[in-house]
N, C-alpha and C. Protein backbone atom coordinates (compact mmCIF):
# COMPACT_ATOMS: atom_id res chain seq x y z
N VAL A 1 215.08 -25.71 110.64
CA VAL A 1 215.07 -25.38 109.22
C VAL A 1 213.82 -25.99 108.61
N ASN A 2 213.09 -25.18 107.86
CA ASN A 2 211.88 -25.65 107.20
C ASN A 2 212.15 -25.86 105.71
N VAL A 3 211.82 -27.05 105.22
CA VAL A 3 212.02 -27.40 103.81
C VAL A 3 210.65 -27.68 103.20
N THR A 4 210.30 -26.92 102.18
CA THR A 4 209.06 -27.15 101.44
C THR A 4 209.45 -27.67 100.06
N VAL A 5 208.81 -28.78 99.66
CA VAL A 5 209.11 -29.39 98.37
C VAL A 5 207.84 -29.38 97.52
N LEU A 6 207.90 -28.71 96.39
CA LEU A 6 206.81 -28.67 95.43
C LEU A 6 207.17 -29.68 94.34
N TYR A 7 206.31 -30.66 94.14
CA TYR A 7 206.69 -31.78 93.27
C TYR A 7 205.50 -32.36 92.54
N GLU A 8 205.79 -33.29 91.62
CA GLU A 8 204.79 -34.07 90.90
C GLU A 8 205.08 -35.54 91.17
N SER A 9 204.04 -36.29 91.46
CA SER A 9 204.23 -37.68 91.88
C SER A 9 204.80 -38.59 90.79
N TYR A 10 204.59 -38.27 89.52
CA TYR A 10 205.12 -39.12 88.45
C TYR A 10 206.39 -38.56 87.80
N CYS A 11 206.89 -37.48 88.33
CA CYS A 11 208.11 -36.88 87.79
C CYS A 11 209.32 -37.66 88.31
N LYS A 12 210.16 -38.13 87.40
CA LYS A 12 211.33 -38.92 87.80
C LYS A 12 212.28 -38.12 88.68
N ASP A 13 212.46 -36.84 88.39
CA ASP A 13 213.32 -36.00 89.23
C ASP A 13 212.74 -35.84 90.63
N SER A 14 211.42 -35.70 90.72
CA SER A 14 210.76 -35.60 92.03
C SER A 14 210.94 -36.90 92.81
N SER A 15 210.71 -38.01 92.13
CA SER A 15 210.86 -39.32 92.78
C SER A 15 212.27 -39.52 93.28
N SER A 16 213.24 -39.22 92.45
CA SER A 16 214.64 -39.38 92.83
C SER A 16 214.98 -38.47 94.01
N PHE A 17 214.53 -37.22 93.97
CA PHE A 17 214.83 -36.28 95.05
C PHE A 17 214.22 -36.74 96.37
N ILE A 18 212.95 -37.13 96.34
CA ILE A 18 212.27 -37.52 97.58
C ILE A 18 212.86 -38.80 98.15
N THR A 19 213.13 -39.79 97.30
CA THR A 19 213.62 -41.07 97.81
C THR A 19 215.11 -41.08 98.13
N LYS A 20 215.91 -40.30 97.39
CA LYS A 20 217.37 -40.36 97.58
C LYS A 20 217.95 -39.17 98.33
N GLN A 21 217.23 -38.08 98.42
CA GLN A 21 217.72 -36.89 99.13
C GLN A 21 216.86 -36.59 100.36
N LEU A 22 215.59 -36.24 100.11
CA LEU A 22 214.74 -35.74 101.19
C LEU A 22 214.53 -36.76 102.31
N TRP A 23 214.10 -37.97 101.99
CA TRP A 23 213.80 -38.96 103.02
C TRP A 23 215.06 -39.31 103.83
N PRO A 24 216.19 -39.60 103.21
CA PRO A 24 217.40 -39.88 104.01
C PRO A 24 217.85 -38.69 104.86
N VAL A 25 217.79 -37.48 104.32
CA VAL A 25 218.21 -36.30 105.09
C VAL A 25 217.24 -36.07 106.25
N TYR A 26 215.95 -36.24 105.99
CA TYR A 26 214.97 -36.07 107.06
C TYR A 26 215.25 -37.07 108.20
N LYS A 27 215.54 -38.30 107.86
CA LYS A 27 215.81 -39.30 108.92
C LYS A 27 217.00 -38.89 109.78
N GLN A 28 217.99 -38.23 109.19
CA GLN A 28 219.16 -37.79 109.95
C GLN A 28 218.91 -36.52 110.76
N LEU A 29 218.05 -35.64 110.25
CA LEU A 29 217.88 -34.31 110.87
C LEU A 29 216.44 -34.03 111.32
N LYS A 30 215.65 -35.08 111.54
CA LYS A 30 214.22 -34.88 111.83
C LYS A 30 213.95 -34.02 113.05
N ASN A 31 214.86 -33.98 114.00
CA ASN A 31 214.65 -33.14 115.19
C ASN A 31 215.02 -31.68 114.95
N GLN A 32 215.67 -31.41 113.84
CA GLN A 32 216.10 -30.04 113.54
C GLN A 32 215.46 -29.46 112.28
N MET A 33 214.64 -30.25 111.58
CA MET A 33 214.04 -29.73 110.35
C MET A 33 212.58 -30.13 110.25
N THR A 34 211.81 -29.30 109.58
CA THR A 34 210.43 -29.63 109.26
C THR A 34 210.33 -29.77 107.74
N VAL A 35 209.43 -30.62 107.31
CA VAL A 35 209.24 -30.85 105.88
C VAL A 35 207.78 -30.61 105.54
N ASP A 36 207.56 -29.85 104.49
CA ASP A 36 206.23 -29.54 104.00
C ASP A 36 206.19 -29.97 102.54
N LEU A 37 205.34 -30.94 102.24
CA LEU A 37 205.25 -31.47 100.88
C LEU A 37 204.03 -30.88 100.17
N VAL A 38 204.23 -30.48 98.91
CA VAL A 38 203.16 -29.88 98.12
C VAL A 38 203.09 -30.61 96.78
N PRO A 39 202.25 -31.67 96.70
CA PRO A 39 202.14 -32.45 95.47
C PRO A 39 201.22 -31.79 94.45
N TYR A 40 201.79 -31.05 93.55
CA TYR A 40 201.02 -30.38 92.49
C TYR A 40 201.91 -30.07 91.30
N GLY A 41 203.04 -29.43 91.56
CA GLY A 41 203.99 -29.12 90.49
C GLY A 41 203.40 -28.20 89.45
N ARG A 42 203.50 -28.62 88.19
CA ARG A 42 203.01 -27.80 87.08
C ARG A 42 201.66 -28.28 86.56
N SER A 43 200.88 -28.88 87.44
CA SER A 43 199.52 -29.29 87.08
C SER A 43 198.68 -28.04 86.87
N LYS A 44 197.50 -28.23 86.32
CA LYS A 44 196.57 -27.11 86.08
C LYS A 44 195.22 -27.46 86.69
N THR A 45 194.58 -26.47 87.30
CA THR A 45 193.23 -26.61 87.83
C THR A 45 192.30 -25.85 86.91
N LYS A 46 191.24 -26.53 86.47
CA LYS A 46 190.25 -25.88 85.60
C LYS A 46 188.95 -25.75 86.40
N GLU A 47 188.61 -24.50 86.71
CA GLU A 47 187.37 -24.22 87.43
C GLU A 47 186.19 -24.48 86.49
N SER A 48 185.12 -25.01 87.04
CA SER A 48 183.92 -25.26 86.25
C SER A 48 183.13 -23.97 86.08
N SER A 49 182.71 -23.68 84.86
CA SER A 49 181.91 -22.47 84.62
C SER A 49 180.48 -22.64 85.13
N SER A 50 180.06 -23.89 85.33
CA SER A 50 178.70 -24.16 85.80
C SER A 50 178.62 -24.28 87.33
N GLY A 51 179.74 -24.04 88.00
CA GLY A 51 179.73 -24.13 89.46
C GLY A 51 179.99 -25.54 89.98
N GLY A 52 180.25 -26.46 89.10
CA GLY A 52 180.54 -27.83 89.51
C GLY A 52 181.97 -27.95 90.02
N PRO A 53 182.39 -29.17 90.30
CA PRO A 53 183.75 -29.36 90.83
C PRO A 53 184.82 -29.03 89.78
N ALA A 54 185.95 -28.58 90.26
CA ALA A 54 187.09 -28.30 89.39
C ALA A 54 187.62 -29.60 88.81
N THR A 55 188.28 -29.50 87.67
CA THR A 55 188.98 -30.65 87.09
C THR A 55 190.46 -30.30 87.04
N PHE A 56 191.27 -31.34 86.89
CA PHE A 56 192.72 -31.15 86.93
C PHE A 56 193.37 -31.77 85.71
N VAL A 57 194.43 -31.13 85.25
CA VAL A 57 195.24 -31.66 84.16
C VAL A 57 196.67 -31.73 84.69
N CYS A 58 197.22 -32.94 84.69
CA CYS A 58 198.58 -33.14 85.19
C CYS A 58 199.51 -33.46 84.04
N ARG A 59 200.75 -33.04 84.17
CA ARG A 59 201.73 -33.20 83.08
C ARG A 59 201.92 -34.65 82.65
N HIS A 60 201.79 -35.58 83.58
CA HIS A 60 202.00 -36.99 83.26
C HIS A 60 200.68 -37.76 83.22
N GLY A 61 199.58 -37.06 82.96
CA GLY A 61 198.30 -37.71 82.76
C GLY A 61 197.43 -37.85 84.00
N ALA A 62 196.27 -38.48 83.79
CA ALA A 62 195.26 -38.63 84.84
C ALA A 62 195.78 -39.46 86.02
N ALA A 63 196.60 -40.47 85.73
CA ALA A 63 197.14 -41.30 86.82
C ALA A 63 197.99 -40.46 87.77
N GLU A 64 198.72 -39.48 87.22
CA GLU A 64 199.51 -38.61 88.09
C GLU A 64 198.60 -37.74 88.95
N CYS A 65 197.52 -37.23 88.38
CA CYS A 65 196.58 -36.45 89.19
C CYS A 65 196.07 -37.30 90.34
N LEU A 66 195.72 -38.55 90.05
CA LEU A 66 195.25 -39.46 91.09
C LEU A 66 196.32 -39.66 92.16
N ALA A 67 197.55 -39.90 91.74
CA ALA A 67 198.64 -40.09 92.71
C ALA A 67 198.89 -38.82 93.53
N ASN A 68 198.79 -37.65 92.89
CA ASN A 68 198.94 -36.39 93.63
C ASN A 68 197.83 -36.23 94.67
N ILE A 69 196.62 -36.66 94.33
CA ILE A 69 195.51 -36.61 95.29
C ILE A 69 195.76 -37.59 96.43
N VAL A 70 196.28 -38.78 96.11
CA VAL A 70 196.65 -39.75 97.16
C VAL A 70 197.62 -39.09 98.13
N HIS A 71 198.64 -38.43 97.60
CA HIS A 71 199.64 -37.78 98.46
C HIS A 71 199.00 -36.65 99.27
N SER A 72 198.13 -35.86 98.65
CA SER A 72 197.45 -34.77 99.36
C SER A 72 196.63 -35.31 100.53
N CYS A 73 195.93 -36.42 100.29
CA CYS A 73 195.13 -37.04 101.35
C CYS A 73 196.02 -37.59 102.47
N ALA A 74 197.10 -38.27 102.11
CA ALA A 74 197.99 -38.83 103.13
C ALA A 74 198.56 -37.73 104.02
N ILE A 75 198.94 -36.62 103.42
CA ILE A 75 199.51 -35.49 104.18
C ILE A 75 198.46 -34.93 105.14
N ALA A 76 197.22 -34.78 104.66
CA ALA A 76 196.16 -34.20 105.50
C ALA A 76 195.70 -35.17 106.60
N LEU A 77 195.56 -36.44 106.26
CA LEU A 77 195.06 -37.42 107.23
C LEU A 77 196.10 -37.83 108.26
N TYR A 78 197.37 -37.78 107.85
CA TYR A 78 198.46 -38.20 108.73
C TYR A 78 199.50 -37.08 108.79
N PRO A 79 199.25 -36.06 109.60
CA PRO A 79 200.14 -34.89 109.63
C PRO A 79 201.54 -35.16 110.18
N ASN A 80 201.75 -36.31 110.82
CA ASN A 80 203.09 -36.66 111.29
C ASN A 80 204.01 -36.81 110.08
N THR A 81 205.03 -35.97 110.00
CA THR A 81 205.90 -35.93 108.82
C THR A 81 206.56 -37.27 108.55
N ALA A 82 207.08 -37.93 109.58
CA ALA A 82 207.75 -39.21 109.36
C ALA A 82 206.80 -40.22 108.73
N LEU A 83 205.54 -40.23 109.16
CA LEU A 83 204.56 -41.17 108.60
C LEU A 83 204.28 -40.87 107.13
N HIS A 84 203.87 -39.64 106.84
CA HIS A 84 203.47 -39.39 105.44
C HIS A 84 204.67 -39.31 104.50
N LEU A 85 205.82 -38.87 104.98
CA LEU A 85 206.99 -38.83 104.10
C LEU A 85 207.47 -40.24 103.76
N ASN A 86 207.45 -41.14 104.74
CA ASN A 86 207.80 -42.54 104.49
C ASN A 86 206.83 -43.15 103.47
N PHE A 87 205.54 -42.89 103.65
CA PHE A 87 204.51 -43.39 102.74
C PHE A 87 204.73 -42.84 101.32
N ILE A 88 204.96 -41.54 101.22
CA ILE A 88 205.15 -40.91 99.91
C ILE A 88 206.41 -41.43 99.23
N ALA A 89 207.49 -41.57 99.98
CA ALA A 89 208.72 -42.13 99.40
C ALA A 89 208.46 -43.54 98.88
N CYS A 90 207.69 -44.33 99.62
CA CYS A 90 207.35 -45.69 99.19
C CYS A 90 206.51 -45.66 97.91
N THR A 91 205.49 -44.81 97.87
CA THR A 91 204.61 -44.79 96.69
C THR A 91 205.34 -44.30 95.45
N MET A 92 206.36 -43.50 95.62
CA MET A 92 207.06 -42.96 94.46
C MET A 92 207.98 -43.98 93.80
N LYS A 93 208.05 -45.16 94.39
CA LYS A 93 208.84 -46.24 93.78
C LYS A 93 207.99 -47.08 92.83
N THR A 94 206.70 -46.75 92.70
CA THR A 94 205.81 -47.48 91.80
C THR A 94 205.00 -46.47 90.98
N TRP A 95 204.41 -46.93 89.91
CA TRP A 95 203.62 -46.04 89.05
C TRP A 95 202.14 -46.42 89.06
N LYS A 96 201.70 -47.18 90.05
CA LYS A 96 200.30 -47.59 90.14
C LYS A 96 199.73 -47.12 91.47
N PRO A 97 199.02 -45.97 91.50
CA PRO A 97 198.57 -45.39 92.76
C PRO A 97 197.77 -46.33 93.66
N GLU A 98 196.78 -47.07 93.11
CA GLU A 98 195.95 -47.93 93.96
C GLU A 98 196.79 -49.02 94.62
N ARG A 99 197.65 -49.65 93.84
CA ARG A 99 198.51 -50.70 94.37
C ARG A 99 199.49 -50.13 95.41
N ALA A 100 200.00 -48.96 95.12
CA ALA A 100 200.97 -48.32 96.01
C ALA A 100 200.37 -48.03 97.38
N VAL A 101 199.12 -47.59 97.41
CA VAL A 101 198.49 -47.27 98.70
C VAL A 101 198.44 -48.51 99.57
N LYS A 102 198.00 -49.63 99.01
CA LYS A 102 197.92 -50.87 99.79
C LYS A 102 199.30 -51.33 100.22
N LYS A 103 200.23 -51.34 99.28
CA LYS A 103 201.59 -51.82 99.57
C LYS A 103 202.27 -50.95 100.63
N CYS A 104 202.12 -49.65 100.52
CA CYS A 104 202.88 -48.73 101.37
C CYS A 104 202.22 -48.47 102.72
N THR A 105 201.01 -48.99 102.93
CA THR A 105 200.38 -48.90 104.25
C THR A 105 200.41 -50.24 104.97
N ARG A 106 200.72 -51.30 104.26
CA ARG A 106 200.70 -52.65 104.84
C ARG A 106 201.61 -52.74 106.06
N GLY A 107 201.05 -53.21 107.17
CA GLY A 107 201.84 -53.43 108.38
C GLY A 107 202.20 -52.17 109.14
N GLY A 108 201.68 -51.03 108.70
CA GLY A 108 202.02 -49.77 109.38
C GLY A 108 200.79 -49.11 109.98
N PRO A 109 200.97 -47.94 110.55
CA PRO A 109 199.87 -47.26 111.23
C PRO A 109 198.90 -46.52 110.31
N MET A 110 199.21 -46.43 109.02
CA MET A 110 198.32 -45.73 108.10
C MET A 110 197.29 -46.71 107.54
N ASP A 111 196.06 -46.23 107.35
CA ASP A 111 194.94 -47.06 106.91
C ASP A 111 194.66 -46.80 105.43
N SER A 112 194.87 -47.82 104.60
CA SER A 112 194.69 -47.65 103.15
C SER A 112 193.25 -47.29 102.81
N GLN A 113 192.28 -47.84 103.53
CA GLN A 113 190.87 -47.53 103.23
C GLN A 113 190.53 -46.08 103.57
N LYS A 114 191.12 -45.58 104.63
CA LYS A 114 190.90 -44.18 105.01
C LYS A 114 191.45 -43.25 103.91
N ILE A 115 192.65 -43.59 103.41
CA ILE A 115 193.25 -42.79 102.34
C ILE A 115 192.40 -42.89 101.07
N GLN A 116 192.00 -44.11 100.71
CA GLN A 116 191.17 -44.30 99.50
C GLN A 116 189.84 -43.58 99.61
N GLY A 117 189.26 -43.56 100.83
CA GLY A 117 188.01 -42.83 101.04
C GLY A 117 188.17 -41.34 100.77
N CYS A 118 189.28 -40.79 101.21
CA CYS A 118 189.58 -39.38 100.96
C CYS A 118 189.77 -39.14 99.46
N VAL A 119 190.52 -40.02 98.82
CA VAL A 119 190.84 -39.87 97.39
C VAL A 119 189.58 -39.88 96.54
N SER A 120 188.64 -40.76 96.87
CA SER A 120 187.44 -40.91 96.03
C SER A 120 186.33 -39.92 96.39
N SER A 121 186.57 -39.08 97.38
CA SER A 121 185.56 -38.10 97.79
C SER A 121 185.96 -36.70 97.33
N SER A 122 185.07 -35.75 97.57
CA SER A 122 185.38 -34.36 97.24
C SER A 122 186.53 -33.83 98.11
N GLN A 123 186.73 -34.44 99.28
CA GLN A 123 187.82 -34.01 100.16
C GLN A 123 189.17 -34.09 99.44
N GLY A 124 189.43 -35.18 98.74
CA GLY A 124 190.70 -35.36 98.04
C GLY A 124 190.91 -34.29 96.98
N LYS A 125 189.87 -34.04 96.19
CA LYS A 125 189.98 -33.02 95.14
C LYS A 125 190.17 -31.63 95.75
N ASN A 126 189.47 -31.35 96.85
CA ASN A 126 189.63 -30.04 97.51
C ASN A 126 191.04 -29.87 98.06
N LEU A 127 191.59 -30.93 98.65
CA LEU A 127 192.97 -30.87 99.17
C LEU A 127 193.96 -30.63 98.03
N PHE A 128 193.77 -31.31 96.91
CA PHE A 128 194.66 -31.14 95.76
C PHE A 128 194.54 -29.73 95.20
N GLN A 129 193.32 -29.20 95.16
CA GLN A 129 193.12 -27.84 94.67
C GLN A 129 193.86 -26.84 95.58
N LYS A 130 193.86 -27.09 96.89
CA LYS A 130 194.60 -26.22 97.82
C LYS A 130 196.10 -26.32 97.57
N MET A 131 196.59 -27.50 97.21
CA MET A 131 198.01 -27.64 96.87
C MET A 131 198.33 -26.80 95.64
N GLY A 132 197.38 -26.76 94.70
CA GLY A 132 197.56 -25.93 93.51
C GLY A 132 197.61 -24.45 93.85
N ALA A 133 196.76 -24.02 94.76
CA ALA A 133 196.75 -22.61 95.18
C ALA A 133 198.06 -22.26 95.88
N ARG A 134 198.57 -23.16 96.69
CA ARG A 134 199.84 -22.92 97.37
C ARG A 134 200.98 -22.81 96.36
N THR A 135 200.95 -23.68 95.36
CA THR A 135 201.98 -23.65 94.32
C THR A 135 201.91 -22.35 93.52
N ALA A 136 200.70 -21.94 93.17
CA ALA A 136 200.51 -20.71 92.38
C ALA A 136 200.95 -19.47 93.16
N ALA A 137 200.91 -19.53 94.48
CA ALA A 137 201.27 -18.38 95.31
C ALA A 137 202.78 -18.17 95.42
N LEU A 138 203.57 -19.16 95.02
CA LEU A 138 205.02 -19.04 95.15
C LEU A 138 205.57 -17.98 94.19
N LYS A 139 206.40 -17.12 94.70
CA LYS A 139 207.04 -16.08 93.89
C LYS A 139 208.54 -16.19 94.03
N PRO A 140 209.29 -16.24 92.95
CA PRO A 140 208.83 -16.36 91.58
C PRO A 140 208.18 -17.72 91.36
N PRO A 141 207.35 -17.86 90.32
CA PRO A 141 206.68 -19.14 90.08
C PRO A 141 207.69 -20.24 89.73
N ILE A 142 207.29 -21.48 90.04
CA ILE A 142 208.20 -22.59 89.75
C ILE A 142 208.26 -22.83 88.25
N THR A 143 209.43 -23.23 87.79
CA THR A 143 209.61 -23.60 86.38
C THR A 143 210.19 -25.00 86.28
N ILE A 144 210.71 -25.52 87.39
CA ILE A 144 211.25 -26.89 87.41
C ILE A 144 210.63 -27.64 88.58
N VAL A 145 210.58 -28.95 88.42
CA VAL A 145 210.03 -29.82 89.45
C VAL A 145 211.04 -30.93 89.71
N PRO A 146 211.34 -31.20 90.97
CA PRO A 146 210.83 -30.52 92.16
C PRO A 146 211.47 -29.15 92.34
N SER A 147 210.77 -28.30 93.06
CA SER A 147 211.31 -27.01 93.50
C SER A 147 211.35 -27.04 95.02
N VAL A 148 212.43 -26.52 95.58
CA VAL A 148 212.64 -26.61 97.03
C VAL A 148 212.77 -25.21 97.62
N VAL A 149 211.99 -24.97 98.66
CA VAL A 149 212.01 -23.71 99.39
C VAL A 149 212.61 -24.01 100.76
N ILE A 150 213.65 -23.27 101.15
CA ILE A 150 214.28 -23.49 102.46
C ILE A 150 214.09 -22.24 103.30
N ASP A 151 213.50 -22.44 104.47
CA ASP A 151 213.21 -21.33 105.40
C ASP A 151 212.51 -20.17 104.71
N GLY A 152 211.54 -20.50 103.87
CA GLY A 152 210.73 -19.48 103.23
C GLY A 152 211.36 -18.81 102.02
N THR A 153 212.57 -19.21 101.66
CA THR A 153 213.26 -18.59 100.53
C THR A 153 213.32 -19.55 99.35
N PHE A 154 212.80 -19.09 98.23
CA PHE A 154 212.87 -19.87 96.99
C PHE A 154 213.88 -19.19 96.08
N ASN A 155 215.02 -19.83 95.92
CA ASN A 155 216.10 -19.28 95.10
C ASN A 155 216.22 -20.13 93.84
N LYS A 156 215.74 -19.60 92.72
CA LYS A 156 215.75 -20.36 91.47
C LYS A 156 217.15 -20.82 91.07
N LYS A 157 218.14 -19.97 91.25
CA LYS A 157 219.48 -20.32 90.76
C LYS A 157 220.15 -21.42 91.59
N ASP A 158 219.71 -21.64 92.82
CA ASP A 158 220.31 -22.70 93.65
C ASP A 158 219.59 -24.04 93.55
N GLN A 159 218.51 -24.13 92.78
CA GLN A 159 217.71 -25.36 92.75
C GLN A 159 218.52 -26.59 92.35
N LYS A 160 219.37 -26.46 91.36
CA LYS A 160 220.15 -27.62 90.90
C LYS A 160 221.06 -28.13 92.03
N LYS A 161 221.73 -27.20 92.73
CA LYS A 161 222.61 -27.59 93.83
C LYS A 161 221.81 -28.21 94.98
N ILE A 162 220.66 -27.61 95.29
CA ILE A 162 219.83 -28.13 96.38
C ILE A 162 219.36 -29.54 96.04
N ARG A 163 218.93 -29.75 94.81
CA ARG A 163 218.44 -31.08 94.41
C ARG A 163 219.56 -32.11 94.39
N LYS A 164 220.78 -31.67 94.17
CA LYS A 164 221.92 -32.59 94.16
C LYS A 164 222.39 -32.93 95.57
N ASP A 165 222.33 -31.95 96.49
CA ASP A 165 222.82 -32.18 97.86
C ASP A 165 221.99 -31.39 98.85
N LEU A 166 220.81 -31.91 99.15
CA LEU A 166 219.90 -31.26 100.09
C LEU A 166 220.54 -31.09 101.46
N LYS A 167 221.28 -32.08 101.89
CA LYS A 167 221.88 -32.02 103.22
C LYS A 167 222.79 -30.80 103.36
N ALA A 168 223.61 -30.53 102.37
CA ALA A 168 224.49 -29.36 102.41
C ALA A 168 223.67 -28.08 102.45
N ALA A 169 222.60 -28.04 101.67
CA ALA A 169 221.75 -26.84 101.63
C ALA A 169 221.07 -26.60 102.98
N VAL A 170 220.59 -27.66 103.60
CA VAL A 170 219.93 -27.54 104.91
C VAL A 170 220.95 -27.18 105.97
N CYS A 171 222.08 -27.85 105.97
CA CYS A 171 223.10 -27.62 107.00
C CYS A 171 223.62 -26.19 106.97
N ARG A 172 223.62 -25.59 105.83
CA ARG A 172 224.08 -24.22 105.68
C ARG A 172 223.23 -23.25 106.50
N HIS A 173 222.00 -23.63 106.80
CA HIS A 173 221.08 -22.75 107.51
C HIS A 173 221.19 -22.83 109.03
N PHE A 174 221.92 -23.79 109.55
CA PHE A 174 222.05 -23.91 111.00
C PHE A 174 223.10 -22.96 111.53
N LYS A 175 222.83 -22.41 112.69
CA LYS A 175 223.82 -21.60 113.39
C LYS A 175 224.52 -22.52 114.39
N PRO A 176 225.78 -22.22 114.76
CA PRO A 176 226.49 -23.07 115.72
C PRO A 176 225.74 -23.14 117.05
N PRO A 177 225.76 -24.26 117.71
CA PRO A 177 226.39 -25.49 117.26
C PRO A 177 225.50 -26.22 116.24
N VAL A 178 226.09 -26.65 115.15
CA VAL A 178 225.34 -27.34 114.11
C VAL A 178 225.11 -28.79 114.53
N PRO A 179 224.03 -29.42 114.04
CA PRO A 179 223.80 -30.83 114.36
C PRO A 179 224.98 -31.68 113.91
N GLU A 180 225.21 -32.76 114.62
CA GLU A 180 226.34 -33.64 114.30
C GLU A 180 226.29 -34.11 112.85
N ALA A 181 225.10 -34.39 112.35
CA ALA A 181 224.96 -34.86 110.96
C ALA A 181 225.45 -33.82 109.95
N CYS A 182 225.56 -32.57 110.39
CA CYS A 182 225.99 -31.48 109.49
C CYS A 182 227.47 -31.14 109.61
N GLU A 183 228.17 -31.68 110.56
CA GLU A 183 229.56 -31.28 110.80
C GLU A 183 230.40 -31.30 109.53
N LYS A 184 230.33 -32.38 108.76
CA LYS A 184 231.14 -32.48 107.54
C LYS A 184 230.52 -31.67 106.40
N LYS A 185 229.19 -31.58 106.37
CA LYS A 185 228.50 -30.90 105.27
C LYS A 185 228.62 -29.39 105.35
N LYS A 186 228.87 -28.84 106.51
CA LYS A 186 228.93 -27.39 106.68
C LYS A 186 229.92 -26.77 105.70
N ARG A 187 230.96 -27.51 105.36
CA ARG A 187 231.98 -27.00 104.44
C ARG A 187 231.68 -27.41 102.99
N GLY A 188 230.49 -27.96 102.73
CA GLY A 188 230.14 -28.51 101.42
C GLY A 188 229.86 -27.49 100.34
N LEU A 189 228.86 -27.78 99.54
CA LEU A 189 228.54 -27.00 98.35
C LEU A 189 228.16 -25.55 98.61
N PHE A 190 227.60 -25.28 99.77
CA PHE A 190 227.04 -23.96 100.03
C PHE A 190 227.87 -23.21 101.05
N ARG A 191 228.06 -21.98 100.80
CA ARG A 191 228.76 -21.10 101.74
C ARG A 191 227.79 -19.99 102.13
N LYS A 192 227.91 -19.51 103.33
CA LYS A 192 227.11 -18.35 103.74
C LYS A 192 227.52 -17.18 102.86
N ARG A 193 226.55 -16.41 102.48
CA ARG A 193 226.86 -15.25 101.62
C ARG A 193 226.93 -14.00 102.44
């Protein structure tokens, strides 16, 4: 099962979903699910009319744009889902991107200087701009953050249920035999239609 999460790094609902739903469910089902994180949400990209670099406007200000770029760099530099998802869940517990990078890489395999190098270069901005293009390509467009796509399907009306119980939503997509972690959830919030 593939789960794509479109989110904003400073959004409280995104933080709660990633730290309390996505990360715990991923740890239980990591061998049966893939996670694709898209840190952009309802940000805006402003192309330069003079051909210079694009600028970004994020709903929660410039610090959120910076944190979204941090996340974009971590995802690109460390494609192992467990590594970057753990890092992102850690950073979403704080509101200071620079401090979070150091704290959340300390003692682990991720290099804070490598991430900071990406963030402060054109690479970070280009990665974030690509996250924006991916977000803009979603049909129908997102109206709430986080928005969750499961196995390529974005169902607006199920977003509230998915955000409340991701495990039930993911488990609904497995065919028998379902993973052990899903045995009780199979009868949960979601029924096959």
